[in-house]
Amino acid sequence: MTARAPSFGALDGLVVLDLTQMLAGPYATMMLADQGAHVIKIEPPGGDLTRRNGPYIDGALKIDEGGFGGYFASINRNKSSLTLDLKKPAGKAALLRLVEKADVLVENYRAGVMERLGLGYDVLAQVNPRLVYGALRGFGDPRSGESSYATWPAYDPVAQAMGGIMGITGPVPGGAPTKIGPGVGDLIPAAFLAFGVASACWRAQRTGRGQFVDVGMVDAVLAVCERLVFQYSASAQSPGPEGNGHPLLCPFGLFPAKDGYVSLGVPNDRFWVPLTHRMGQPGMATDPRYATNDARMAHKAEVEATVSGWTARHTKAELSELLGGEIPFGPVFDAADIFEDPHFRIREMLVETEQPGATRPLTVAGTPVHMSETPGGVRRRAPMTGEHTDRTLAEFGFEPHEIAALRADDVVQ
């Protein structure tokens, strides 16, 4: 499926200056861009280093040609690129001019970096009082509470570890913690930052006053581990890895199939009856040892052995026919399964984007947010390094001779 024809999203007209790199910050601004915001990615001369990260499709332009690999392509779609050297006085002055007309600025440097550049929030807010300034750091910004970890660098595994999610994840109850596959230590904070920025923009629209929006990666991970917090508060017991089951429901979790695994769950007793019939064990529906969830939890090993023995005799496709639409159920998909299943094309979750120089398009994950009146989505590929420098500066009022002077001083490319 090709990308949707250009359309305006709910954030059409919102101008975002994006000073972020790596994954968390760019993903947050990508979420804004997917909903129509004009996101201007401000890169240092030479471009964002993540342009180097593959994989590359055959023929795709590499970073030394201004291009990018799959990593950069996925999370920087729908954005424009402007190169600007913020270490030079002329570069700082240029950014301040951009800030005058922008609605939002987002950065994910360590605390204090923008202040040392002379471009901290207090300075920018004087230039543009309605500016919404988004900051995403490992342990938050000192403005909101100075953590003893404030100067520590943080990446996805650190946020997963210290935010609590890794400690309650693992294949064996009570066993070793397990890192979650996707970079949720980056992606969860990104989603919270996008939400915070949009919220602050709503207020700025009504009041004319912007504000500082601060998200700590570790804090955001803890926020989605809310069950861990209230459980410990109530019981003084630290939850550990729960395996692939559920601590309160049975059967609920992963079960083997002939060709992989499936996820099925019985969140209440009404789903237990049809499951017993599908398994050819109708007596278990009325047997007092298994008829209620409390009883099944008391005989959890027996119940899970029975269900596993039955699912293991069938393929994932067969189980889909037997259980789909009747019992909370889903086969465990790998990437090949996802690309083959029509659901993801119908829902525009697999979108083809151009890769400059490549022999074929690159497929990236679409946005799960669908709006009836202002459809967002993936409208265009990620930008080449500095692809929109001249056009963007002109849009912000820079005269041709000013742009030429910035180029002569190697401030822009």
Protein backbone atom coordinates (compact mmCIF):
# COMPACT_ATOMS: atom_id res chain seq x y z
CA MET A 1 0.00 0.00 0.00
CA THR A 2 1.35 3.42 -0.87
CA ALA A 3 1.32 6.38 1.48
CA ARG A 4 -1.93 8.32 1.79
CA ALA A 5 -2.23 11.33 -0.51
CA PRO A 6 -1.28 14.57 1.24
CA SER A 7 -3.92 15.53 3.76
CA PHE A 8 -4.10 17.83 6.74
CA GLY A 9 -4.10 16.37 10.21
CA ALA A 10 -5.53 17.79 13.40
CA LEU A 11 -2.25 19.61 14.11
CA ASP A 12 -2.10 21.34 10.73
CA GLY A 13 -0.47 24.74 11.16
CA LEU A 14 1.50 23.81 14.29
CA VAL A 15 5.18 24.62 13.74
CA VAL A 16 7.61 22.39 15.65
CA LEU A 17 11.39 22.88 15.85
CA ASP A 18 12.86 19.43 16.41
CA LEU A 19 16.34 19.34 17.94
CA THR A 20 16.12 15.68 18.92
CA GLN A 21 18.24 12.68 17.96
CA MET A 22 18.30 8.91 18.56
CA LEU A 23 14.87 7.34 19.19
CA ALA A 24 12.82 8.87 22.03
CA GLY A 25 12.80 12.51 20.92
CA PRO A 26 12.38 11.84 17.18
CA TYR A 27 9.54 9.42 17.90
CA ALA A 28 7.71 12.10 19.91
CA THR A 29 8.02 14.65 17.11
CA MET A 30 7.09 11.97 14.58
CA MET A 31 3.81 11.53 16.43
CA LEU A 32 3.15 15.25 16.04
CA ALA A 33 4.15 15.17 12.37
CA ASP A 34 1.86 12.21 11.70
CA GLN A 35 -1.06 14.35 12.86
CA GLY A 36 -0.19 17.24 10.53
CA ALA A 37 2.31 19.37 12.45
CA HIS A 38 5.03 21.06 10.38
CA VAL A 39 8.05 19.48 12.06
CA ILE A 40 11.41 20.99 11.12
CA LYS A 41 14.24 18.67 12.06
CA ILE A 42 17.24 20.86 12.89
CA GLU A 43 20.37 18.77 12.36
CA PRO A 44 24.02 19.58 12.93
CA PRO A 45 26.23 19.90 9.85
CA GLY A 46 26.72 16.38 8.53
CA GLY A 47 23.30 15.30 9.73
CA ASP A 48 21.85 13.25 12.56
CA LEU A 49 24.20 10.35 13.33
CA THR A 50 21.28 7.91 13.32
CA ARG A 51 21.14 8.35 9.54
CA ARG A 52 23.98 5.79 9.53
CA ASN A 53 21.87 3.08 11.14
CA GLY A 54 20.62 0.42 8.74
CA PRO A 55 19.41 -1.73 7.36
CA TYR A 56 19.69 -0.17 3.90
CA ILE A 57 17.69 -1.25 0.85
CA ASP A 58 19.89 -1.92 -2.19
CA GLY A 59 20.85 1.36 -3.82
CA ALA A 60 19.63 3.58 -0.98
CA LEU A 61 21.74 6.66 -0.44
CA LYS A 62 24.07 6.49 2.56
CA ILE A 63 24.71 9.31 5.03
CA ASP A 64 27.75 10.59 3.12
CA GLU A 65 25.35 11.15 0.23
CA GLY A 66 22.83 12.91 2.48
CA GLY A 67 20.72 9.79 2.78
CA PHE A 68 19.55 7.54 5.57
CA GLY A 69 18.91 3.96 6.61
CA GLY A 70 15.80 2.22 7.83
CA TYR A 71 16.10 3.44 11.45
CA PHE A 72 16.08 7.12 10.47
CA ALA A 73 13.45 6.58 7.78
CA SER A 74 10.96 5.05 10.17
CA ILE A 75 10.86 7.77 12.82
CA ASN A 76 11.61 10.89 10.78
CA ARG A 77 8.93 10.62 8.11
CA ASN A 78 6.73 13.65 7.46
CA LYS A 79 9.50 16.02 8.62
CA SER A 80 11.58 18.69 6.92
CA SER A 81 15.36 18.92 7.46
CA LEU A 82 17.37 22.06 8.12
CA THR A 83 21.05 21.94 9.05
CA LEU A 84 22.24 24.51 11.55
CA ASP A 85 25.43 24.74 13.58
CA LEU A 86 24.28 25.84 17.03
CA LYS A 87 27.87 26.09 18.26
CA LYS A 88 28.41 29.18 16.14
CA PRO A 89 27.01 32.61 17.03
CA ALA A 90 25.31 32.93 13.64
CA GLY A 91 23.68 29.52 14.15
CA LYS A 92 22.34 30.53 17.55
CA ALA A 93 21.04 33.80 16.15
CA ALA A 94 19.31 31.91 13.35
CA LEU A 95 17.62 29.56 15.80
CA LEU A 96 16.34 32.50 17.83
CA ARG A 97 14.73 33.89 14.68
CA LEU A 98 13.06 30.55 14.04
CA VAL A 99 11.83 30.44 17.64
CA GLU A 100 10.09 33.79 17.19
CA LYS A 101 7.60 32.22 14.78
CA ALA A 102 7.50 28.63 16.05
CA ASP A 103 4.89 27.09 18.33
CA VAL A 104 6.99 24.28 19.80
CA LEU A 105 10.62 23.35 20.35
CA VAL A 106 11.59 19.83 21.41
CA GLU A 107 15.03 18.64 22.51
CA ASN A 108 16.44 15.60 24.28
CA TYR A 109 19.92 16.72 25.28
CA ARG A 110 21.25 16.14 28.76
CA ALA A 111 20.17 18.70 31.34
CA GLY A 112 22.13 21.93 30.99
CA VAL A 113 23.26 21.52 27.37
CA MET A 114 20.86 24.10 25.94
CA GLU A 115 21.69 26.50 28.77
CA ARG A 116 25.41 26.22 27.99
CA LEU A 117 24.60 27.05 24.37
CA GLY A 118 22.73 30.14 25.57
CA LEU A 119 19.48 28.66 24.25
CA GLY A 120 17.76 27.44 27.40
CA TYR A 121 14.03 27.71 28.00
CA ASP A 122 14.27 30.99 29.93
CA VAL A 123 16.01 32.64 26.97
CA LEU A 124 13.65 31.22 24.36
CA ALA A 125 10.56 32.08 26.39
CA GLN A 126 11.62 35.73 26.37
CA VAL A 127 11.92 35.58 22.58
CA ASN A 128 8.53 33.88 22.23
CA PRO A 129 6.32 33.78 25.36
CA ARG A 130 3.83 31.41 23.70
CA LEU A 131 6.53 28.81 22.94
CA VAL A 132 5.89 25.30 24.22
CA TYR A 133 9.28 23.81 25.07
CA GLY A 134 9.43 20.01 25.32
CA ALA A 135 12.36 18.31 27.04
CA LEU A 136 12.89 14.56 27.26
CA ARG A 137 15.73 13.35 29.48
CA GLY A 138 16.62 10.11 31.20
CA PHE A 139 15.75 11.32 34.69
CA GLY A 140 13.87 14.50 33.91
CA ASP A 141 14.83 18.14 34.05
CA PRO A 142 15.87 19.78 37.34
CA ARG A 143 13.11 22.37 36.92
CA SER A 144 10.55 19.75 37.89
CA GLY A 145 12.59 18.17 40.67
CA GLU A 146 16.33 17.63 40.62
CA SER A 147 17.04 13.91 40.73
CA SER A 148 20.35 12.68 42.08
CA TYR A 149 20.59 10.87 38.72
CA ALA A 150 20.02 14.05 36.69
CA THR A 151 23.46 13.96 35.06
CA TRP A 152 23.39 10.24 34.24
CA PRO A 153 23.07 9.34 30.56
CA ALA A 154 20.11 7.05 29.92
CA TYR A 155 19.02 4.81 27.10
CA ASP A 156 16.17 2.40 26.64
CA PRO A 157 17.56 -0.48 28.79
CA VAL A 158 18.34 1.92 31.65
CA ALA A 159 14.81 3.31 31.62
CA GLN A 160 13.36 -0.20 31.45
CA ALA A 161 15.52 -1.33 34.37
CA MET A 162 15.03 1.62 36.72
CA GLY A 163 11.42 2.36 35.73
CA GLY A 164 10.33 -1.08 36.96
CA ILE A 165 9.10 -2.72 33.78
CA MET A 166 12.08 -5.03 33.38
CA GLY A 167 11.75 -6.30 36.94
CA ILE A 168 8.22 -7.61 36.35
CA THR A 169 8.95 -9.11 32.94
CA GLY A 170 10.38 -12.58 32.39
CA PRO A 171 9.42 -16.04 31.17
CA VAL A 172 9.57 -17.67 34.58
CA PRO A 173 7.66 -16.40 37.65
CA GLY A 174 10.24 -15.38 40.21
CA GLY A 175 13.04 -15.70 37.66
CA ALA A 176 15.51 -13.27 36.13
CA PRO A 177 14.21 -9.97 34.72
CA THR A 178 13.91 -9.63 30.96
CA LYS A 179 14.31 -6.63 28.67
CA ILE A 180 11.25 -5.99 26.53
CA GLY A 181 12.03 -6.30 22.82
CA PRO A 182 10.92 -2.92 21.42
CA GLY A 183 12.60 0.13 22.93
CA VAL A 184 9.74 0.93 25.27
CA GLY A 185 12.15 2.85 27.49
CA ASP A 186 12.26 5.35 24.62
CA LEU A 187 8.83 4.92 23.04
CA ILE A 188 6.71 5.27 26.17
CA PRO A 189 8.39 8.54 27.19
CA ALA A 190 8.02 9.76 23.60
CA ALA A 191 4.28 9.16 23.68
CA PHE A 192 3.95 10.99 27.00
CA LEU A 193 5.97 13.92 25.64
CA ALA A 194 3.81 14.18 22.52
CA PHE A 195 0.73 14.16 24.75
CA GLY A 196 2.24 16.81 27.04
CA VAL A 197 3.20 19.06 24.15
CA ALA A 198 -0.25 18.80 22.57
CA SER A 199 -1.84 19.57 25.94
CA ALA A 200 0.38 22.60 26.47
CA CYS A 201 -0.39 23.84 22.93
CA TRP A 202 -4.12 23.73 23.71
CA ARG A 203 -3.51 26.02 26.69
CA ALA A 204 -1.17 28.28 24.74
CA GLN A 205 -3.80 28.70 22.06
CA ARG A 206 -6.26 29.98 24.64
CA THR A 207 -3.93 32.02 26.83
CA GLY A 208 -1.01 33.03 24.60
CA ARG A 209 1.38 31.54 27.17
CA GLY A 210 3.64 28.61 26.52
CA GLN A 211 5.37 26.49 29.13
CA PHE A 212 8.12 23.98 29.83
CA VAL A 213 7.07 20.34 29.31
CA ASP A 214 9.37 17.88 31.07
CA VAL A 215 9.27 14.08 30.70
CA GLY A 216 11.76 11.75 32.36
CA MET A 217 12.24 8.43 30.61
CA VAL A 218 12.38 6.49 33.87
CA ASP A 219 9.30 8.31 35.17
CA ALA A 220 7.30 7.48 32.05
CA VAL A 221 8.15 3.79 32.28
CA LEU A 222 7.10 3.73 35.93
CA ALA A 223 3.81 5.40 34.98
CA VAL A 224 2.82 2.43 32.80
CA CYS A 225 3.84 0.05 35.59
CA GLU A 226 1.03 1.45 37.73
CA ARG A 227 0.04 -2.01 38.96
CA LEU A 228 3.50 -2.49 40.47
CA VAL A 229 3.06 0.71 42.52
CA PHE A 230 -0.34 0.03 44.04
CA GLN A 231 0.47 -3.63 44.66
CA TYR A 232 3.56 -2.75 46.67
CA SER A 233 1.75 0.05 48.49
CA ALA A 234 -1.02 -2.31 49.56
CA SER A 235 1.02 -5.42 50.31
CA ALA A 236 4.64 -4.30 50.90
CA GLN A 237 5.59 -7.13 48.54
CA SER A 238 7.66 -6.38 45.44
CA PRO A 239 6.12 -8.02 42.36
CA GLY A 240 8.59 -10.00 40.26
CA PRO A 241 8.53 -11.54 36.79
CA GLU A 242 5.14 -13.09 36.15
CA GLY A 243 6.05 -15.35 33.24
CA ASN A 244 3.61 -15.51 30.36
CA GLY A 245 0.56 -16.03 32.52
CA HIS A 246 -1.53 -13.78 34.75
CA PRO A 247 -1.31 -13.59 38.54
CA LEU A 248 -5.10 -13.41 38.99
CA LEU A 249 -6.70 -15.17 35.99
CA CYS A 250 -6.59 -18.74 34.66
CA PRO A 251 -6.15 -19.79 31.91
CA PHE A 252 -4.58 -16.61 30.64
CA GLY A 253 -1.34 -16.24 28.68
CA LEU A 254 0.75 -18.04 26.07
CA PHE A 255 0.15 -21.61 24.99
CA PRO A 256 2.01 -23.79 22.48
CA ALA A 257 0.75 -24.55 18.99
CA LYS A 258 2.13 -26.97 16.42
CA ASP A 259 3.87 -24.13 14.62
CA GLY A 260 4.53 -21.57 17.35
CA TYR A 261 2.51 -20.01 20.15
CA VAL A 262 -0.87 -18.44 20.71
CA SER A 263 -2.21 -16.08 23.31
CA LEU A 264 -5.57 -16.85 24.84
CA GLY A 265 -7.30 -15.67 27.96
CA VAL A 266 -10.37 -16.34 30.05
CA PRO A 267 -10.93 -13.00 31.82
CA ASN A 268 -14.23 -14.22 33.30
CA ASP A 269 -16.15 -17.46 33.68
CA ARG A 270 -18.44 -16.95 30.70
CA PHE A 271 -15.52 -17.57 28.33
CA TRP A 272 -14.54 -20.76 30.17
CA VAL A 273 -17.62 -22.70 29.06
CA PRO A 274 -17.12 -22.33 25.28
CA LEU A 275 -13.39 -23.02 25.68
CA THR A 276 -14.08 -26.33 27.41
CA HIS A 277 -16.41 -27.31 24.57
CA ARG A 278 -13.82 -26.37 21.93
CA MET A 279 -11.28 -28.51 23.78
CA GLY A 280 -13.66 -31.48 23.93
CA GLN A 281 -13.70 -31.22 27.75
CA PRO A 282 -17.26 -29.98 28.50
CA GLY A 283 -17.20 -31.57 31.94
CA MET A 284 -14.59 -29.06 33.09
CA ALA A 285 -17.21 -26.30 32.77
CA THR A 286 -19.20 -27.69 35.69
CA ASP A 287 -16.53 -29.54 37.65
CA PRO A 288 -16.20 -27.61 40.95
CA ARG A 289 -12.40 -27.78 40.64
CA TYR A 290 -12.51 -25.70 37.45
CA ALA A 291 -15.92 -24.02 37.16
CA THR A 292 -14.84 -20.66 38.60
CA ASN A 293 -11.74 -18.56 38.20
CA ASP A 294 -10.86 -18.93 41.90
CA ALA A 295 -11.11 -22.71 41.56
CA ARG A 296 -9.01 -22.71 38.41
CA MET A 297 -6.36 -20.58 40.11
CA ALA A 298 -6.23 -23.18 42.90
CA HIS A 299 -5.62 -25.85 40.23
CA LYS A 300 -3.64 -23.67 37.86
CA ALA A 301 -1.02 -26.25 36.86
CA GLU A 302 -3.70 -28.79 35.90
CA VAL A 303 -5.73 -26.28 33.91
CA GLU A 304 -2.73 -24.94 32.01
CA ALA A 305 -1.51 -28.47 31.26
CA THR A 306 -4.91 -29.38 29.83
CA VAL A 307 -5.15 -26.26 27.69
CA SER A 308 -1.53 -26.58 26.53
CA GLY A 309 -2.01 -30.22 25.60
CA TRP A 310 -4.98 -29.30 23.43
CA THR A 311 -3.47 -26.21 21.74
CA ALA A 312 -0.24 -28.10 20.96
CA ARG A 313 -2.17 -30.48 18.71
CA HIS A 314 -3.26 -27.66 16.40
CA THR A 315 -1.59 -25.07 14.18
CA LYS A 316 -2.04 -21.36 14.79
CA ALA A 317 -4.36 -21.18 11.78
CA GLU A 318 -6.48 -24.05 13.08
CA LEU A 319 -6.73 -22.46 16.51
CA SER A 320 -7.74 -19.18 14.89
CA GLU A 321 -10.64 -20.97 13.24
CA LEU A 322 -11.63 -22.71 16.47
CA LEU A 323 -11.30 -19.77 18.85
CA GLY A 324 -11.26 -16.52 16.90
CA GLY A 325 -14.27 -14.37 17.65
CA GLU A 326 -15.37 -16.62 20.51
CA ILE A 327 -12.55 -16.55 23.07
CA PRO A 328 -10.06 -13.70 23.66
CA PHE A 329 -7.38 -15.09 21.39
CA GLY A 330 -4.55 -14.22 19.04
CA PRO A 331 -1.69 -16.08 17.38
CA VAL A 332 1.82 -14.86 18.19
CA PHE A 333 2.91 -13.13 14.99
CA ASP A 334 6.41 -12.55 13.72
CA ALA A 335 7.21 -9.87 11.16
CA ALA A 336 6.47 -12.16 8.22
CA ASP A 337 3.04 -12.98 9.67
CA ILE A 338 2.29 -9.27 10.11
CA PHE A 339 3.24 -8.47 6.52
CA GLU A 340 1.01 -11.29 5.25
CA ASP A 341 -2.05 -10.59 7.41
CA PRO A 342 -4.55 -8.29 5.65
CA HIS A 343 -5.54 -6.55 8.90
CA PHE A 344 -2.41 -4.42 8.93
CA ARG A 345 -2.80 -3.26 5.31
CA ILE A 346 -6.48 -2.48 5.77
CA ARG A 347 -5.65 -0.43 8.88
CA GLU A 348 -2.79 1.37 7.09
CA MET A 349 -0.25 0.10 9.58
CA LEU A 350 2.19 -0.95 6.85
CA VAL A 351 3.03 2.03 4.65
CA GLU A 352 5.47 2.12 1.76
CA THR A 353 7.78 5.13 1.59
CA GLU A 354 10.34 6.21 -0.95
CA GLN A 355 14.01 5.53 -0.24
CA PRO A 356 16.10 7.87 -2.39
CA GLY A 357 18.19 5.83 -4.80
CA ALA A 358 16.75 2.50 -3.64
CA THR A 359 15.44 -0.22 -5.91
CA ARG A 360 12.15 -0.42 -4.02
CA PRO A 361 10.19 1.39 -1.30
CA LEU A 362 10.76 0.88 2.40
CA THR A 363 7.78 -0.19 4.50
CA VAL A 364 7.40 1.59 7.82
CA ALA A 365 4.86 1.26 10.62
CA GLY A 366 1.91 3.60 10.25
CA THR A 367 0.14 5.55 12.96
CA PRO A 368 -2.54 3.79 15.04
CA VAL A 369 -4.39 7.09 15.56
CA HIS A 370 -7.18 7.44 13.00
CA MET A 371 -9.34 10.57 12.87
CA SER A 372 -12.48 10.87 10.75
CA GLU A 373 -12.22 14.56 9.87
CA THR A 374 -8.48 15.19 9.97
CA PRO A 375 -6.78 11.98 8.89
CA GLY A 376 -3.11 11.93 9.71
CA GLY A 377 -0.67 9.22 8.73
CA VAL A 378 2.51 8.82 6.73
CA ARG A 379 2.44 11.37 3.92
CA ARG A 380 6.07 11.57 2.81
CA ARG A 381 9.47 9.99 3.35
CA ALA A 382 12.09 11.14 5.82
CA PRO A 383 14.16 14.09 4.55
CA MET A 384 17.62 14.08 3.06
CA THR A 385 20.22 15.91 5.14
CA GLY A 386 19.44 19.62 4.95
CA GLU A 387 16.96 19.01 2.13
CA HIS A 388 14.72 21.90 3.16
CA THR A 389 17.28 24.34 4.57
CA ASP A 390 16.85 27.16 2.06
CA ARG A 391 13.09 26.80 1.78
CA THR A 392 12.59 26.71 5.55
CA LEU A 393 14.78 29.72 6.22
CA ALA A 394 12.93 31.65 3.52
CA GLU A 395 9.59 30.71 5.09
CA PHE A 396 10.84 32.22 8.35
CA GLY A 397 11.77 35.49 6.70
CA PHE A 398 15.46 35.04 5.89
CA GLU A 399 16.52 36.96 2.80
CA PRO A 400 18.57 35.22 0.08
CA HIS A 401 21.71 37.15 1.03
CA GLU A 402 21.29 36.07 4.68
CA ILE A 403 21.00 32.44 3.68
CA ALA A 404 24.05 32.80 1.45
CA ALA A 405 25.99 34.31 4.36
CA LEU A 406 25.06 31.38 6.62
CA ARG A 407 26.25 28.98 3.94
CA ALA A 408 29.51 30.88 3.47
CA ASP A 409 30.17 30.57 7.23
CA ASP A 410 29.32 26.83 7.16
CA VAL A 411 26.46 27.47 9.57
CA VAL A 412 24.02 25.68 7.26
CA GLN A 413 24.43 23.12 4.48
